[in-house]
C-alpha atoms as a PDB file:
ATOM      1  CA  MET A   1      74.521 123.369  12.311  1.00  0.00           C
ATOM      2  CA  LEU A   2      76.209 123.031  15.698  1.00  0.00           C
ATOM      3  CA  LEU A   3      74.273 126.030  17.000  1.00  0.00           C
ATOM      4  CA  VAL A   4      70.987 124.668  15.643  1.00  0.00           C
ATOM      5  CA  GLY A   5      71.619 121.457  17.597  1.00  0.00           C
ATOM      6  CA  VAL A   6      72.253 123.523  20.716  1.00  0.00           C
ATOM      7  CA  THR A   7      68.968 125.381  20.275  1.00  0.00           C
ATOM      8  CA  ALA A   8      67.057 122.092  19.988  1.00  0.00           C
ATOM      9  CA  VAL A   9      68.482 120.870  23.291  1.00  0.00           C
ATOM     10  CA  TRP A  10      67.737 124.173  25.010  1.00  0.00           C
ATOM     11  CA  GLY A  11      64.191 124.223  23.644  1.00  0.00           C
ATOM     12  CA  TRP A  12      63.568 120.779  25.138  1.00  0.00           C
ATOM     13  CA  THR A  13      64.898 121.735  28.579  1.00  0.00           C
ATOM     14  CA  PHE A  14      62.208 124.347  29.220  1.00  0.00           C
ATOM     15  CA  VAL A  15      59.813 121.491  29.899  1.00  0.00           C
ATOM     16  CA  VAL A  16      62.424 119.450  31.760  1.00  0.00           C
ATOM     17  CA  VAL A  17      63.375 122.309  34.099  1.00  0.00           C
ATOM     18  CA  GLN A  18      59.789 123.331  34.894  1.00  0.00           C
ATOM     19  CA  ASP A  19      58.956 119.781  35.949  1.00  0.00           C
ATOM     20  CA  ALA A  20      62.081 119.630  38.152  1.00  0.00           C
ATOM     21  CA  ILE A  21      61.685 122.956  39.980  1.00  0.00           C
ATOM     22  CA  SER A  22      58.059 122.188  40.776  1.00  0.00           C
ATOM     23  CA  THR A  23      59.388 119.683  43.346  1.00  0.00           C
ATOM     24  CA  PHE A  24      62.830 121.162  44.117  1.00  0.00           C
ATOM     25  CA  GLY A  25      64.141 124.679  44.820  1.00  0.00           C
ATOM     26  CA  VAL A  26      65.336 126.949  42.016  1.00  0.00           C
ATOM     27  CA  LEU A  27      68.761 127.810  43.430  1.00  0.00           C
ATOM     28  CA  GLY A  28      69.393 124.259  44.596  1.00  0.00           C
ATOM     29  CA  PHE A  29      68.596 122.981  41.121  1.00  0.00           C
ATOM     30  CA  LEU A  30      70.849 125.547  39.465  1.00  0.00           C
ATOM     31  CA  ALA A  31      73.715 124.908  41.900  1.00  0.00           C
ATOM     32  CA  LEU A  32      73.635 121.156  41.278  1.00  0.00           C
ATOM     33  CA  ARG A  33      73.141 121.562  37.542  1.00  0.00           C
ATOM     34  CA  PHE A  34      76.239 123.672  37.035  1.00  0.00           C
ATOM     35  CA  ALA A  35      78.261 121.724  39.601  1.00  0.00           C
ATOM     36  CA  LEU A  36      77.652 118.610  37.492  1.00  0.00           C
ATOM     37  CA  ALA A  37      78.645 120.514  34.372  1.00  0.00           C
ATOM     38  CA  SER A  38      81.858 121.719  36.029  1.00  0.00           C
ATOM     39  CA  VAL A  39      82.792 118.212  37.140  1.00  0.00           C
ATOM     40  CA  ALA A  40      82.071 116.810  33.670  1.00  0.00           C
ATOM     41  CA  LEU A  41      84.216 119.420  31.920  1.00  0.00           C
ATOM     42  CA  SER A  42      87.139 119.565  34.356  1.00  0.00           C
ATOM     43  CA  PRO A  43      89.066 116.505  33.034  1.00  0.00           C
ATOM     44  CA  ILE A  44      88.789 117.819  29.474  1.00  0.00           C
ATOM     45  CA  LEU A  45      89.084 121.584  29.804  1.00  0.00           C
ATOM     46  CA  LEU A  46      90.912 122.345  33.046  1.00  0.00           C
ATOM     47  CA  SER A  47      94.354 121.977  31.480  1.00  0.00           C
ATOM     48  CA  GLY A  48      93.583 124.687  28.928  1.00  0.00           C
ATOM     49  CA  ILE A  49      92.586 127.362  31.422  1.00  0.00           C
ATOM     50  CA  THR A  50      94.793 130.351  32.233  1.00  0.00           C
ATOM     51  CA  ARG A  51      94.511 132.941  34.986  1.00  0.00           C
ATOM     52  CA  ARG A  52      93.314 135.535  32.476  1.00  0.00           C
ATOM     53  CA  ALA A  53      90.722 133.148  30.990  1.00  0.00           C
ATOM     54  CA  LEU A  54      89.536 132.335  34.513  1.00  0.00           C
ATOM     55  CA  LEU A  55      88.999 136.016  35.302  1.00  0.00           C
ATOM     56  CA  VAL A  56      87.374 136.907  31.973  1.00  0.00           C
ATOM     57  CA  GLY A  57      85.273 133.749  31.806  1.00  0.00           C
ATOM     58  CA  GLY A  58      84.244 134.114  35.439  1.00  0.00           C
ATOM     59  CA  ALA A  59      83.000 137.667  34.859  1.00  0.00           C
ATOM     60  CA  ILE A  60      81.093 136.627  31.725  1.00  0.00           C
ATOM     61  CA  GLY A  61      79.719 133.626  33.643  1.00  0.00           C
ATOM     62  CA  LEU A  62      78.196 135.909  36.278  1.00  0.00           C
ATOM     63  CA  VAL A  63      76.210 137.670  33.553  1.00  0.00           C
ATOM     64  CA  LEU A  64      75.086 134.303  32.227  1.00  0.00           C
ATOM     65  CA  ALA A  65      74.129 133.227  35.761  1.00  0.00           C
ATOM     66  CA  MET A  66      71.723 136.157  36.025  1.00  0.00           C
ATOM     67  CA  GLY A  67      70.095 135.026  32.803  1.00  0.00           C
ATOM     68  CA  TYR A  68      69.561 131.513  34.107  1.00  0.00           C
ATOM     69  CA  LEU A  69      68.331 132.712  37.478  1.00  0.00           C
ATOM     70  CA  PHE A  70      65.666 134.968  35.948  1.00  0.00           C
ATOM     71  CA  GLN A  71      64.679 132.285  33.435  1.00  0.00           C
ATOM     72  CA  THR A  72      64.296 129.539  36.040  1.00  0.00           C
ATOM     73  CA  LEU A  73      62.382 131.775  38.440  1.00  0.00           C
ATOM     74  CA  GLY A  74      60.123 132.784  35.562  1.00  0.00           C
ATOM     75  CA  LEU A  75      59.260 129.135  34.885  1.00  0.00           C
ATOM     76  CA  LEU A  76      57.528 129.040  38.272  1.00  0.00           C
ATOM     77  CA  TYR A  77      54.891 131.441  36.935  1.00  0.00           C
ATOM     78  CA  THR A  78      54.668 130.923  33.168  1.00  0.00           C
ATOM     79  CA  THR A  79      54.520 128.080  30.655  1.00  0.00           C
ATOM     80  CA  PRO A  80      57.533 126.430  28.996  1.00  0.00           C
ATOM     81  CA  THR A  81      56.323 127.776  25.653  1.00  0.00           C
ATOM     82  CA  ASN A  82      56.113 131.391  26.889  1.00  0.00           C
ATOM     83  CA  SER A  83      59.466 131.068  28.625  1.00  0.00           C
ATOM     84  CA  GLY A  84      61.144 129.779  25.501  1.00  0.00           C
ATOM     85  CA  LEU A  85      59.594 132.424  23.293  1.00  0.00           C
ATOM     86  CA  ILE A  86      60.428 135.394  25.528  1.00  0.00           C
ATOM     87  CA  THR A  87      63.943 134.113  26.107  1.00  0.00           C
ATOM     88  CA  GLY A  88      64.364 134.445  22.346  1.00  0.00           C
ATOM     89  CA  LEU A  89      64.240 138.227  22.721  1.00  0.00           C
ATOM     90  CA  PHE A  90      67.987 138.044  23.352  1.00  0.00           C
ATOM     91  CA  VAL A  91      68.176 138.426  19.566  1.00  0.00           C
ATOM     92  CA  VAL A  92      67.246 142.085  20.144  1.00  0.00           C
ATOM     93  CA  PHE A  93      69.394 142.648  23.214  1.00  0.00           C
ATOM     94  CA  ALA A  94      72.604 141.125  21.759  1.00  0.00           C
ATOM     95  CA  PRO A  95      73.208 143.647  18.950  1.00  0.00           C
ATOM     96  CA  LEU A  96      71.927 146.416  21.237  1.00  0.00           C
ATOM     97  CA  ALA A  97      74.540 145.497  23.858  1.00  0.00           C
ATOM     98  CA  ASP A  98      77.160 145.192  21.115  1.00  0.00           C
ATOM     99  CA  ARG A  99      76.296 148.710  19.972  1.00  0.00           C
ATOM    100  CA  ILE A 100      76.158 150.280  23.470  1.00  0.00           C
ATOM    101  CA  PHE A 101      79.305 148.718  24.918  1.00  0.00           C
ATOM    102  CA  PHE A 102      81.504 148.141  21.871  1.00  0.00           C
ATOM    103  CA  GLY A 103      80.230 150.528  19.176  1.00  0.00           C
ATOM    104  CA  VAL A 104      79.572 147.759  16.642  1.00  0.00           C
ATOM    105  CA  ARG A 105      77.238 148.847  13.842  1.00  0.00           C
ATOM    106  CA  ALA A 106      74.651 146.351  12.586  1.00  0.00           C
ATOM    107  CA  SER A 107      74.161 145.792   8.855  1.00  0.00           C
ATOM    108  CA  ARG A 108      70.843 146.577   7.171  1.00  0.00           C
ATOM    109  CA  GLN A 109      70.216 142.878   6.682  1.00  0.00           C
ATOM    110  CA  THR A 110      70.768 142.230  10.391  1.00  0.00           C
ATOM    111  CA  ILE A 111      68.419 145.073  11.327  1.00  0.00           C
ATOM    112  CA  VAL A 112      65.674 143.552   9.161  1.00  0.00           C
ATOM    113  CA  ALA A 113      66.222 140.132  10.734  1.00  0.00           C
ATOM    114  CA  VAL A 114      66.174 141.580  14.256  1.00  0.00           C
ATOM    115  CA  ALA A 115      62.968 143.528  13.476  1.00  0.00           C
ATOM    116  CA  LEU A 116      61.281 140.347  12.244  1.00  0.00           C
ATOM    117  CA  SER A 117      62.424 138.517  15.362  1.00  0.00           C
ATOM    118  CA  LEU A 118      61.172 141.278  17.650  1.00  0.00           C
ATOM    119  CA  LEU A 119      57.740 141.365  16.027  1.00  0.00           C
ATOM    120  CA  GLY A 120      57.546 137.585  16.047  1.00  0.00           C
ATOM    121  CA  MET A 121      58.469 137.397  19.735  1.00  0.00           C
ATOM    122  CA  ALA A 122      55.904 140.076  20.610  1.00  0.00           C
ATOM    123  CA  LEU A 123      53.129 138.146  18.862  1.00  0.00           C
ATOM    124  CA  LEU A 124      54.204 134.830  20.381  1.00  0.00           C
ATOM    125  CA  ALA A 125      54.570 136.044  23.950  1.00  0.00           C
ATOM    126  CA  GLY A 126      51.685 138.531  24.129  1.00  0.00           C
ATOM    127  CA  GLY A 127      49.122 136.943  21.831  1.00  0.00           C
ATOM    128  CA  GLY A 128      47.896 134.241  24.189  1.00  0.00           C
ATOM    129  CA  PRO A 129      44.599 134.406  26.065  1.00  0.00           C
ATOM    130  CA  GLU A 130      46.280 135.029  29.447  1.00  0.00           C
ATOM    131  CA  GLY A 131      48.519 137.853  28.238  1.00  0.00           C
ATOM    132  CA  VAL A 132      51.732 138.817  30.042  1.00  0.00           C
ATOM    133  CA  ASN A 133      52.303 137.539  33.620  1.00  0.00           C
ATOM    134  CA  PRO A 134      55.089 138.007  36.256  1.00  0.00           C
ATOM    135  CA  GLY A 135      56.907 134.981  34.896  1.00  0.00           C
ATOM    136  CA  ASP A 136      56.992 136.614  31.468  1.00  0.00           C
ATOM    137  CA  LEU A 137      58.569 139.764  32.948  1.00  0.00           C
ATOM    138  CA  LEU A 138      61.222 137.761  34.793  1.00  0.00           C
ATOM    139  CA  THR A 139      61.999 135.959  31.549  1.00  0.00           C
ATOM    140  CA  LEU A 140      62.368 139.293  29.768  1.00  0.00           C
ATOM    141  CA  LEU A 141      65.152 140.156  32.245  1.00  0.00           C
ATOM    142  CA  CYS A 142      66.673 136.799  31.370  1.00  0.00           C
ATOM    143  CA  ALA A 143      66.664 137.734  27.677  1.00  0.00           C
ATOM    144  CA  ALA A 144      68.481 141.003  28.432  1.00  0.00           C
ATOM    145  CA  ALA A 145      71.195 139.155  30.376  1.00  0.00           C
ATOM    146  CA  LEU A 146      71.614 136.526  27.637  1.00  0.00           C
ATOM    147  CA  GLY A 147      71.912 139.230  24.993  1.00  0.00           C
ATOM    148  CA  LEU A 148      74.702 140.894  26.973  1.00  0.00           C
ATOM    149  CA  HIS A 149      76.364 137.492  27.414  1.00  0.00           C
ATOM    150  CA  ILE A 150      76.401 136.922  23.637  1.00  0.00           C
ATOM    151  CA  ALA A 151      77.937 140.351  23.050  1.00  0.00           C
ATOM    152  CA  LEU A 152      80.624 139.764  25.692  1.00  0.00           C
ATOM    153  CA  LEU A 153      81.530 136.354  24.281  1.00  0.00           C
ATOM    154  CA  SER A 154      81.815 137.686  20.750  1.00  0.00           C
ATOM    155  CA  ARG A 155      84.092 140.448  22.031  1.00  0.00           C
ATOM    156  CA  TYR A 156      86.412 138.389  24.251  1.00  0.00           C
ATOM    157  CA  ALA A 157      86.203 134.718  23.218  1.00  0.00           C
ATOM    158  CA  ALA A 158      88.624 134.988  20.302  1.00  0.00           C
ATOM    159  CA  GLY A 159      91.526 135.774  22.615  1.00  0.00           C
ATOM    160  CA  HIS A 160      91.129 132.650  24.756  1.00  0.00           C
ATOM    161  CA  ASP A 161      90.996 128.884  24.495  1.00  0.00           C
ATOM    162  CA  ALA A 162      87.337 127.921  23.959  1.00  0.00           C
ATOM    163  CA  GLY A 163      87.479 125.109  26.500  1.00  0.00           C
ATOM    164  CA  GLY A 164      89.101 127.154  29.229  1.00  0.00           C
ATOM    165  CA  LEU A 165      86.671 130.032  28.765  1.00  0.00           C
ATOM    166  CA  THR A 166      83.693 127.666  28.865  1.00  0.00           C
ATOM    167  CA  PHE A 167      84.927 125.999  32.044  1.00  0.00           C
ATOM    168  CA  ALA A 168      85.460 129.362  33.739  1.00  0.00           C
ATOM    169  CA  GLN A 169      81.895 130.468  32.958  1.00  0.00           C
ATOM    170  CA  ILE A 170      80.261 127.286  34.225  1.00  0.00           C
ATOM    171  CA  LEU A 171      82.454 127.180  37.340  1.00  0.00           C
ATOM    172  CA  ALA A 172      81.521 130.783  38.164  1.00  0.00           C
ATOM    173  CA  MET A 173      77.820 129.938  37.879  1.00  0.00           C
ATOM    174  CA  ALA A 174      78.169 126.827  40.032  1.00  0.00           C
ATOM    175  CA  LEU A 175      79.979 128.760  42.772  1.00  0.00           C
ATOM    176  CA  LEU A 176      77.522 131.655  42.728  1.00  0.00           C
ATOM    177  CA  PHE A 177      74.441 129.443  42.988  1.00  0.00           C
ATOM    178  CA  ALA A 178      76.093 127.274  45.653  1.00  0.00           C
ATOM    179  CA  VAL A 179      76.750 130.356  47.797  1.00  0.00           C
ATOM    180  CA  LEU A 180      73.172 131.620  47.380  1.00  0.00           C
ATOM    181  CA  TRP A 181      71.456 128.246  47.890  1.00  0.00           C
ATOM    182  CA  PRO A 182      71.603 128.119  51.743  1.00  0.00           C
ATOM    183  CA  PHE A 183      69.908 131.528  51.970  1.00  0.00           C
ATOM    184  CA  THR A 184      66.809 130.341  50.114  1.00  0.00           C
ATOM    185  CA  GLY A 185      65.901 127.070  51.791  1.00  0.00           C
ATOM    186  CA  GLU A 186      67.065 123.845  53.361  1.00  0.00           C
ATOM    187  CA  LEU A 187      70.030 122.035  51.830  1.00  0.00           C
ATOM    188  CA  ALA A 188      68.839 118.605  50.722  1.00  0.00           C
ATOM    189  CA  LEU A 189      69.391 116.077  47.961  1.00  0.00           C
ATOM    190  CA  PRO A 190      66.755 116.114  45.201  1.00  0.00           C
ATOM    191  CA  PRO A 191      64.377 113.189  44.538  1.00  0.00           C
ATOM    192  CA  PRO A 192      65.234 110.672  41.778  1.00  0.00           C
ATOM    193  CA  GLU A 193      63.120 112.319  39.069  1.00  0.00           C
ATOM    194  CA  VAL A 194      64.949 115.616  39.593  1.00  0.00           C
ATOM    195  CA  TRP A 195      68.302 113.862  39.202  1.00  0.00           C
ATOM    196  CA  VAL A 196      67.239 112.848  35.692  1.00  0.00           C
ATOM    197  CA  ALA A 197      66.598 116.503  34.867  1.00  0.00           C
ATOM    198  CA  LEU A 198      69.919 117.489  36.446  1.00  0.00           C
ATOM    199  CA  LEU A 199      71.829 115.013  34.301  1.00  0.00           C
ATOM    200  CA  ILE A 200      70.088 116.227  31.127  1.00  0.00           C
ATOM    201  CA  THR A 201      70.590 119.910  31.853  1.00  0.00           C
ATOM    202  CA  GLY A 202      73.983 119.661  33.511  1.00  0.00           C
ATOM    203  CA  LEU A 203      75.750 117.387  31.054  1.00  0.00           C
ATOM    204  CA  LEU A 204      73.946 117.904  27.748  1.00  0.00           C
ATOM    205  CA  ALA A 205      72.378 121.379  27.881  1.00  0.00           C
ATOM    206  CA  SER A 206      75.173 123.049  29.885  1.00  0.00           C
ATOM    207  CA  ALA A 207      78.560 121.357  29.520  1.00  0.00           C
ATOM    208  CA  GLY A 208      78.158 120.233  25.917  1.00  0.00           C
ATOM    209  CA  ALA A 209      76.088 123.130  24.620  1.00  0.00           C
ATOM    210  CA  PHE A 210      78.156 125.945  26.094  1.00  0.00           C
ATOM    211  CA  TYR A 211      81.376 124.461  24.768  1.00  0.00           C
ATOM    212  CA  VAL A 212      79.836 124.444  21.292  1.00  0.00           C
ATOM    213  CA  GLN A 213      78.554 128.018  21.689  1.00  0.00           C
ATOM    214  CA  THR A 214      81.919 129.375  22.834  1.00  0.00           C
ATOM    215  CA  PHE A 215      83.724 127.527  20.030  1.00  0.00           C
ATOM    216  CA  VAL A 216      81.349 128.890  17.385  1.00  0.00           C
ATOM    217  CA  GLN A 217      81.396 132.456  18.730  1.00  0.00           C
ATOM    218  CA  GLN A 218      85.113 132.601  18.149  1.00  0.00           C
ATOM    219  CA  ARG A 219      84.144 132.587  14.460  1.00  0.00           C
ATOM    220  CA  LEU A 220      80.822 134.476  14.296  1.00  0.00           C
ATOM    221  CA  PRO A 221      79.793 138.027  15.365  1.00  0.00           C
ATOM    222  CA  ALA A 222      77.175 138.669  18.057  1.00  0.00           C
ATOM    223  CA  ALA A 223      74.259 139.647  15.807  1.00  0.00           C
ATOM    224  CA  ARG A 224      74.625 136.656  13.497  1.00  0.00           C
ATOM    225  CA  THR A 225      74.911 134.251  16.427  1.00  0.00           C
ATOM    226  CA  ALA A 226      71.810 135.736  18.037  1.00  0.00           C
ATOM    227  CA  ILE A 227      69.775 135.257  14.860  1.00  0.00           C
ATOM    228  CA  ILE A 228      70.766 131.585  14.607  1.00  0.00           C
ATOM    229  CA  LEU A 229      69.802 131.088  18.225  1.00  0.00           C
ATOM    230  CA  THR A 230      66.263 132.336  17.542  1.00  0.00           C
ATOM    231  CA  MET A 231      65.572 128.722  16.652  1.00  0.00           C
ATOM    232  CA  GLU A 232      65.519 128.014  20.401  1.00  0.00           C
ATOM    233  CA  PRO A 233      61.997 129.435  20.974  1.00  0.00           C
ATOM    234  CA  THR A 234      60.730 127.535  17.952  1.00  0.00           C
ATOM    235  CA  PHE A 235      61.960 124.290  19.488  1.00  0.00           C
ATOM    236  CA  ALA A 236      60.477 125.401  22.822  1.00  0.00           C
ATOM    237  CA  VAL A 237      57.076 125.714  21.136  1.00  0.00           C
ATOM    238  CA  PHE A 238      57.435 122.246  19.653  1.00  0.00           C
ATOM    239  CA  PHE A 239      58.390 120.559  22.927  1.00  0.00           C
ATOM    240  CA  GLY A 240      55.876 122.633  24.903  1.00  0.00           C
ATOM    241  CA  TYR A 241      53.141 121.392  22.573  1.00  0.00           C
ATOM    242  CA  TRP A 242      54.358 117.805  22.552  1.00  0.00           C
ATOM    243  CA  LEU A 243      55.401 117.297  26.171  1.00  0.00           C
ATOM    244  CA  ALA A 244      53.642 119.967  28.259  1.00  0.00           C
ATOM    245  CA  GLY A 245      50.326 120.341  26.437  1.00  0.00           C
ATOM    246  CA  ASP A 246      50.838 124.038  25.635  1.00  0.00           C
ATOM    247  CA  ARG A 247      48.764 125.371  22.754  1.00  0.00           C
ATOM    248  CA  LEU A 248      49.229 128.451  20.567  1.00  0.00           C
ATOM    249  CA  VAL A 249      46.554 130.675  19.075  1.00  0.00           C
ATOM    250  CA  ALA A 250      46.690 131.908  15.481  1.00  0.00           C
ATOM    251  CA  VAL A 251      48.530 135.138  16.360  1.00  0.00           C
ATOM    252  CA  GLN A 252      51.287 133.217  18.115  1.00  0.00           C
ATOM    253  CA  ILE A 253      51.676 130.842  15.195  1.00  0.00           C
ATOM    254  CA  PHE A 254      52.152 133.852  12.916  1.00  0.00           C
ATOM    255  CA  GLY A 255      54.870 135.044  15.300  1.00  0.00           C
ATOM    256  CA  ALA A 256      56.673 131.725  14.942  1.00  0.00           C
ATOM    257  CA  VAL A 257      56.600 132.135  11.156  1.00  0.00           C
ATOM    258  CA  LEU A 258      58.203 135.572  11.512  1.00  0.00           C
ATOM    259  CA  ILE A 259      61.018 134.109  13.603  1.00  0.00           C
ATOM    260  CA  LEU A 260      61.765 131.532  10.929  1.00  0.00           C
ATOM    261  CA  SER A 261      61.736 134.346   8.371  1.00  0.00           C
ATOM    262  CA  ALA A 262      64.340 136.195  10.443  1.00  0.00           C
ATOM    263  CA  VAL A 263      66.551 133.112  10.418  1.00  0.00           C
ATOM    264  CA  PHE A 264      66.239 132.918   6.621  1.00  0.00           C
ATOM    265  CA  VAL A 265      67.057 136.602   6.123  1.00  0.00           C
ATOM    266  CA  GLY A 266      70.006 136.509   8.495  1.00  0.00           C
ATOM    267  CA  GLU A 267      71.569 133.175   7.543  1.00  0.00           C
ATOM    268  CA  VAL A 268      70.323 131.648   4.281  1.00  0.00           C
ATOM    269  CA  THR A 269      70.222 134.757   2.093  1.00  0.00           C
ATOM    270  CA  PRO A 270      73.913 135.685   2.609  1.00  0.00           C
ATOM    271  CA  VAL A 271      74.993 132.171   1.606  1.00  0.00           C
ATOM    272  CA  LEU A 272      72.887 132.204  -1.546  1.00  0.00           C
ATOM    273  CA  ARG A 273      74.186 135.660  -2.474  1.00  0.00           C
ATOM    274  CA  TRP A 274      77.803 134.599  -1.906  1.00  0.00           C
ATOM    275  CA  ARG A 275      77.400 131.538  -4.163  1.00  0.00           C
ATOM    276  CA  LYS A 276      76.199 133.763  -6.995  1.00  0.00           C
END
């Protein structure tokens, strides 16, 4: 349930971020977003951080930073709905990364759920009248980075304090984007409407959500976590329709149904079977 709440927040922020970066630079927005998150978490989590957690979390945070960079750049060229849907392809990349780097075998049930998710994402992202665009391709790179991030967290999070590891990741992202920001444009404070988006994404969608994700991934494997997080594109469709005026054709709606089916196969069925 905690992860479902996280996916709802993330689905909403696709619209919020696109509106913000249309008037403010991508790297400036990301630098300020994660700086706010770092400041918000430091009084709570700084005491729990160790040198080892700082190194491990910082390295994992750099992978996560690449995901956010590709995703935010992609929003310059695609819709919030497409961005949210393609980002959901991390459900394919997470178990793939787990297999390649750590030799973890996926169960048959997980393979079925991942296949449903993959087909659903393909229909959702490629079934629209405009087809695939450069923003969609950038977002696909984002999905690959997020999948690797999930696999790394599932591998290393259990050996560290959840708060310290979360703080290290967000601090690494803030520092990286702050270093890159001056090379991409003039340093300037954002307008008031962008500050609203920064507060939403920095405090709610970053600080709060990543703490929850790290806490939960100490208890769940990569593939199962990835399947739960497929709810994010479904929420992105909802908020894209409601707030941004995005519309889906019949093929894309069928893709959304497949994603929900993957969630059922991966999460609900095991619980029902265990109760029997």
